[in-house]
Amino acid sequence: MQVIFAQGPDEVWAVEMRMGPDATLGQAIDRSGFAQQFPDYDMADLKAGIFGQRCSRDHPLSEGDRVEIYRPLDFDPMESRRRRAQHRKSRLSRT
């Protein structure tokens, strides 16, 4: 299995490892050394998943899973959507 973290658009940290049959997502993250490698990451607010599907730390792993640790968002997607809608609305009302 693999634990990965995309630090940016062109930089990915990845660790290949073997886990036991009853392993969980949280155990894989703990054993991967992620917290030591990225001490500034807020582990209390860690968001992770498997193949793009967000999962809890107690989610059981299957053979071949790729555990993904997600970066915190720099912006709120809902707020961005609202701003775009307001911008479109203001452009339409001027014409």
N, C-alpha and C. Protein backbone atom coordinates (compact mmCIF):
# COMPACT_ATOMS: atom_id res chain seq x y z
N MET A 1 0.84 -1.17 0.00
CA MET A 1 0.00 0.00 0.00
C MET A 1 0.88 1.22 0.00
N GLN A 2 0.27 2.36 -0.27
CA GLN A 2 1.01 3.60 -0.40
C GLN A 2 0.31 4.70 0.39
N VAL A 3 1.10 5.56 1.03
CA VAL A 3 0.59 6.76 1.68
C VAL A 3 1.21 7.93 0.93
N ILE A 4 0.37 8.86 0.45
CA ILE A 4 0.89 9.99 -0.31
C ILE A 4 0.34 11.31 0.21
N PHE A 5 1.11 12.36 -0.05
CA PHE A 5 0.73 13.73 0.31
C PHE A 5 1.26 14.65 -0.78
N ALA A 6 0.36 15.33 -1.48
CA ALA A 6 0.77 16.28 -2.52
C ALA A 6 1.08 17.61 -1.84
N GLN A 7 2.36 17.92 -1.74
CA GLN A 7 2.78 19.16 -1.09
C GLN A 7 2.44 20.37 -1.94
N GLY A 8 2.38 20.18 -3.22
CA GLY A 8 2.07 21.24 -4.17
C GLY A 8 1.78 20.59 -5.51
N PRO A 9 1.60 21.41 -6.54
CA PRO A 9 1.24 20.84 -7.84
C PRO A 9 2.30 19.91 -8.43
N ASP A 10 3.57 20.11 -8.09
CA ASP A 10 4.63 19.31 -8.69
C ASP A 10 5.46 18.51 -7.68
N GLU A 11 5.02 18.46 -6.44
CA GLU A 11 5.81 17.79 -5.42
C GLU A 11 4.94 16.85 -4.59
N VAL A 12 5.28 15.57 -4.64
CA VAL A 12 4.50 14.55 -3.93
C VAL A 12 5.42 13.75 -3.02
N TRP A 13 5.00 13.62 -1.76
CA TRP A 13 5.69 12.76 -0.79
C TRP A 13 4.94 11.44 -0.80
N ALA A 14 5.67 10.34 -0.93
CA ALA A 14 5.02 9.02 -0.99
C ALA A 14 5.86 8.00 -0.23
N VAL A 15 5.16 7.10 0.45
CA VAL A 15 5.80 6.02 1.19
C VAL A 15 5.10 4.72 0.84
N GLU A 16 5.88 3.74 0.42
CA GLU A 16 5.36 2.38 0.17
C GLU A 16 5.53 1.60 1.46
N MET A 17 4.51 0.84 1.84
CA MET A 17 4.60 0.05 3.06
C MET A 17 3.65 -1.13 3.02
N ARG A 18 3.89 -2.05 3.92
CA ARG A 18 3.00 -3.20 4.09
C ARG A 18 2.31 -3.05 5.43
N MET A 19 1.03 -3.39 5.44
CA MET A 19 0.24 -3.32 6.67
C MET A 19 -0.43 -4.67 6.88
N GLY A 20 -0.79 -4.95 8.13
CA GLY A 20 -1.48 -6.20 8.45
C GLY A 20 -2.91 -6.20 7.94
N PRO A 21 -3.55 -7.34 8.01
CA PRO A 21 -4.90 -7.49 7.46
C PRO A 21 -5.97 -6.64 8.15
N ASP A 22 -5.78 -6.27 9.40
CA ASP A 22 -6.78 -5.48 10.12
C ASP A 22 -6.38 -4.01 10.25
N ALA A 23 -5.48 -3.54 9.40
CA ALA A 23 -4.97 -2.17 9.50
C ALA A 23 -6.04 -1.15 9.12
N THR A 24 -5.91 0.04 9.70
CA THR A 24 -6.83 1.14 9.41
C THR A 24 -6.06 2.27 8.73
N LEU A 25 -6.81 3.18 8.16
CA LEU A 25 -6.23 4.35 7.52
C LEU A 25 -5.37 5.12 8.52
N GLY A 26 -5.85 5.34 9.72
CA GLY A 26 -5.10 6.08 10.74
C GLY A 26 -3.80 5.39 11.11
N GLN A 27 -3.81 4.08 11.21
CA GLN A 27 -2.59 3.35 11.53
C GLN A 27 -1.57 3.49 10.42
N ALA A 28 -2.03 3.47 9.18
CA ALA A 28 -1.11 3.63 8.04
C ALA A 28 -0.47 5.01 8.06
N ILE A 29 -1.26 6.04 8.34
CA ILE A 29 -0.72 7.40 8.41
C ILE A 29 0.30 7.50 9.54
N ASP A 30 -0.05 6.96 10.70
CA ASP A 30 0.87 7.01 11.85
C ASP A 30 2.18 6.30 11.54
N ARG A 31 2.09 5.13 10.93
CA ARG A 31 3.28 4.33 10.66
C ARG A 31 4.11 4.88 9.50
N SER A 32 3.50 5.69 8.64
CA SER A 32 4.20 6.22 7.47
C SER A 32 5.27 7.24 7.83
N GLY A 33 5.19 7.83 9.01
CA GLY A 33 6.14 8.87 9.40
C GLY A 33 5.73 10.25 8.94
N PHE A 34 4.48 10.40 8.51
CA PHE A 34 3.99 11.69 8.01
C PHE A 34 4.14 12.80 9.05
N ALA A 35 3.75 12.54 10.29
CA ALA A 35 3.80 13.58 11.33
C ALA A 35 5.23 14.06 11.56
N GLN A 36 6.19 13.17 11.47
CA GLN A 36 7.58 13.55 11.66
C GLN A 36 8.12 14.31 10.44
N GLN A 37 7.68 13.92 9.28
CA GLN A 37 8.13 14.56 8.04
C GLN A 37 7.53 15.96 7.88
N PHE A 38 6.30 16.15 8.37
CA PHE A 38 5.59 17.43 8.23
C PHE A 38 5.10 17.90 9.59
N PRO A 39 6.00 18.31 10.46
CA PRO A 39 5.60 18.68 11.82
C PRO A 39 4.68 19.90 11.89
N ASP A 40 4.64 20.73 10.86
CA ASP A 40 3.77 21.91 10.87
C ASP A 40 2.34 21.61 10.45
N TYR A 41 2.10 20.41 9.94
CA TYR A 41 0.74 20.03 9.52
C TYR A 41 -0.10 19.83 10.78
N ASP A 42 -1.29 20.41 10.81
CA ASP A 42 -2.18 20.27 11.96
C ASP A 42 -2.81 18.88 11.96
N MET A 43 -2.21 17.98 12.73
CA MET A 43 -2.67 16.59 12.75
C MET A 43 -4.09 16.47 13.34
N ALA A 44 -4.50 17.43 14.16
CA ALA A 44 -5.85 17.40 14.72
C ALA A 44 -6.90 17.66 13.64
N ASP A 45 -6.50 18.31 12.56
CA ASP A 45 -7.42 18.64 11.48
C ASP A 45 -7.09 17.86 10.20
N LEU A 46 -6.44 16.72 10.35
CA LEU A 46 -6.01 15.93 9.20
C LEU A 46 -7.20 15.40 8.42
N LYS A 47 -7.16 15.59 7.12
CA LYS A 47 -8.18 15.07 6.21
C LYS A 47 -7.48 14.05 5.31
N ALA A 48 -8.06 12.87 5.20
CA ALA A 48 -7.43 11.82 4.40
C ALA A 48 -8.51 10.95 3.76
N GLY A 49 -8.08 10.16 2.80
CA GLY A 49 -9.01 9.27 2.14
C GLY A 49 -8.29 8.21 1.34
N ILE A 50 -9.05 7.45 0.59
CA ILE A 50 -8.51 6.39 -0.25
C ILE A 50 -9.03 6.62 -1.67
N PHE A 51 -8.09 6.78 -2.60
CA PHE A 51 -8.43 7.01 -4.00
C PHE A 51 -9.48 8.11 -4.18
N GLY A 52 -9.29 9.25 -3.49
CA GLY A 52 -10.16 10.40 -3.67
C GLY A 52 -11.44 10.39 -2.86
N GLN A 53 -11.70 9.35 -2.10
CA GLN A 53 -12.89 9.27 -1.26
C GLN A 53 -12.49 9.49 0.19
N ARG A 54 -12.97 10.58 0.78
CA ARG A 54 -12.61 10.90 2.15
C ARG A 54 -13.09 9.80 3.10
N CYS A 55 -12.22 9.43 4.04
CA CYS A 55 -12.51 8.35 5.00
C CYS A 55 -12.08 8.77 6.39
N SER A 56 -12.65 8.11 7.38
CA SER A 56 -12.25 8.35 8.78
C SER A 56 -10.98 7.57 9.08
N ARG A 57 -10.33 7.92 10.19
CA ARG A 57 -9.09 7.25 10.59
C ARG A 57 -9.30 5.77 10.89
N ASP A 58 -10.52 5.38 11.27
CA ASP A 58 -10.75 3.98 11.60
C ASP A 58 -11.23 3.15 10.40
N HIS A 59 -11.19 3.72 9.22
CA HIS A 59 -11.60 3.01 8.01
C HIS A 59 -10.63 1.86 7.73
N PRO A 60 -11.13 0.63 7.55
CA PRO A 60 -10.24 -0.51 7.28
C PRO A 60 -9.63 -0.42 5.89
N LEU A 61 -8.39 -0.84 5.79
CA LEU A 61 -7.68 -0.82 4.52
C LEU A 61 -7.80 -2.16 3.80
N SER A 62 -7.70 -2.08 2.49
CA SER A 62 -7.67 -3.27 1.64
C SER A 62 -6.34 -3.32 0.91
N GLU A 63 -5.99 -4.49 0.45
CA GLU A 63 -4.75 -4.66 -0.31
C GLU A 63 -4.75 -3.71 -1.51
N GLY A 64 -3.67 -2.99 -1.70
CA GLY A 64 -3.53 -2.11 -2.85
C GLY A 64 -4.10 -0.72 -2.67
N ASP A 65 -4.64 -0.39 -1.50
CA ASP A 65 -5.19 0.94 -1.27
C ASP A 65 -4.09 2.00 -1.35
N ARG A 66 -4.48 3.19 -1.79
CA ARG A 66 -3.60 4.35 -1.76
C ARG A 66 -4.21 5.35 -0.80
N VAL A 67 -3.55 5.52 0.34
CA VAL A 67 -4.03 6.48 1.34
C VAL A 67 -3.53 7.86 0.94
N GLU A 68 -4.46 8.80 0.81
CA GLU A 68 -4.12 10.16 0.39
C GLU A 68 -4.37 11.11 1.56
N ILE A 69 -3.38 11.91 1.88
CA ILE A 69 -3.52 12.95 2.90
C ILE A 69 -3.74 14.25 2.15
N TYR A 70 -4.83 14.94 2.48
CA TYR A 70 -5.23 16.13 1.74
C TYR A 70 -4.70 17.40 2.38
N ARG A 71 -4.27 18.33 1.53
CA ARG A 71 -3.82 19.65 2.01
C ARG A 71 -5.03 20.45 2.46
N PRO A 72 -4.83 21.33 3.43
CA PRO A 72 -5.93 22.23 3.80
C PRO A 72 -6.23 23.16 2.62
N LEU A 73 -7.48 23.52 2.46
CA LEU A 73 -7.87 24.41 1.37
C LEU A 73 -7.40 25.83 1.66
N ASP A 74 -6.92 26.52 0.62
CA ASP A 74 -6.53 27.92 0.77
C ASP A 74 -7.74 28.84 0.68
N PHE A 75 -8.85 28.32 0.19
CA PHE A 75 -10.06 29.11 0.03
C PHE A 75 -11.26 28.21 0.27
N ASP A 76 -12.38 28.82 0.53
CA ASP A 76 -13.63 28.09 0.73
C ASP A 76 -14.33 27.96 -0.62
N PRO A 77 -14.52 26.74 -1.13
CA PRO A 77 -15.15 26.58 -2.45
C PRO A 77 -16.54 27.20 -2.54
N MET A 78 -17.30 27.12 -1.46
CA MET A 78 -18.65 27.71 -1.48
C MET A 78 -18.57 29.23 -1.60
N GLU A 79 -17.63 29.84 -0.90
CA GLU A 79 -17.47 31.29 -0.99
C GLU A 79 -17.02 31.70 -2.39
N SER A 80 -16.13 30.96 -2.98
CA SER A 80 -15.69 31.24 -4.34
C SER A 80 -16.86 31.15 -5.32
N ARG A 81 -17.71 30.14 -5.15
CA ARG A 81 -18.87 29.97 -6.01
C ARG A 81 -19.83 31.16 -5.86
N ARG A 82 -20.03 31.61 -4.62
CA ARG A 82 -20.90 32.78 -4.39
C ARG A 82 -20.36 34.03 -5.07
N ARG A 83 -19.05 34.23 -4.95
CA ARG A 83 -18.44 35.41 -5.57
C ARG A 83 -18.57 35.38 -7.09
N ARG A 84 -18.35 34.21 -7.69
CA ARG A 84 -18.51 34.10 -9.14
C ARG A 84 -19.95 34.40 -9.55
N ALA A 85 -20.91 33.89 -8.80
CA ALA A 85 -22.32 34.12 -9.12
C ALA A 85 -22.65 35.61 -8.99
N GLN A 86 -22.15 36.26 -7.96
CA GLN A 86 -22.40 37.70 -7.80
C GLN A 86 -21.77 38.49 -8.94
N HIS A 87 -20.58 38.07 -9.34
CA HIS A 87 -19.89 38.75 -10.43
C HIS A 87 -20.69 38.62 -11.73
N ARG A 88 -21.17 37.41 -12.02
CA ARG A 88 -21.99 37.20 -13.23
C ARG A 88 -23.28 38.02 -13.17
N LYS A 89 -23.89 38.04 -12.00
CA LYS A 89 -25.15 38.77 -11.82
C LYS A 89 -24.94 40.26 -12.03
N SER A 90 -23.85 40.80 -11.51
CA SER A 90 -23.59 42.24 -11.67
C SER A 90 -23.28 42.57 -13.12
N ARG A 91 -22.60 41.68 -13.84
CA ARG A 91 -22.32 41.92 -15.27
C ARG A 91 -23.61 41.89 -16.07
N LEU A 92 -24.51 40.97 -15.76
CA LEU A 92 -25.77 40.86 -16.50
C LEU A 92 -26.68 42.06 -16.23
N SER A 93 -26.66 42.59 -15.03
CA SER A 93 -27.56 43.70 -14.70
C SER A 93 -27.08 45.01 -15.34
N ARG A 94 -25.81 45.09 -15.76
CA ARG A 94 -25.28 46.30 -16.40
C ARG A 94 -25.65 46.35 -17.87
N THR A 95 -26.03 45.25 -18.46
CA THR A 95 -26.30 45.24 -19.90
C THR A 95 -27.76 45.47 -20.19
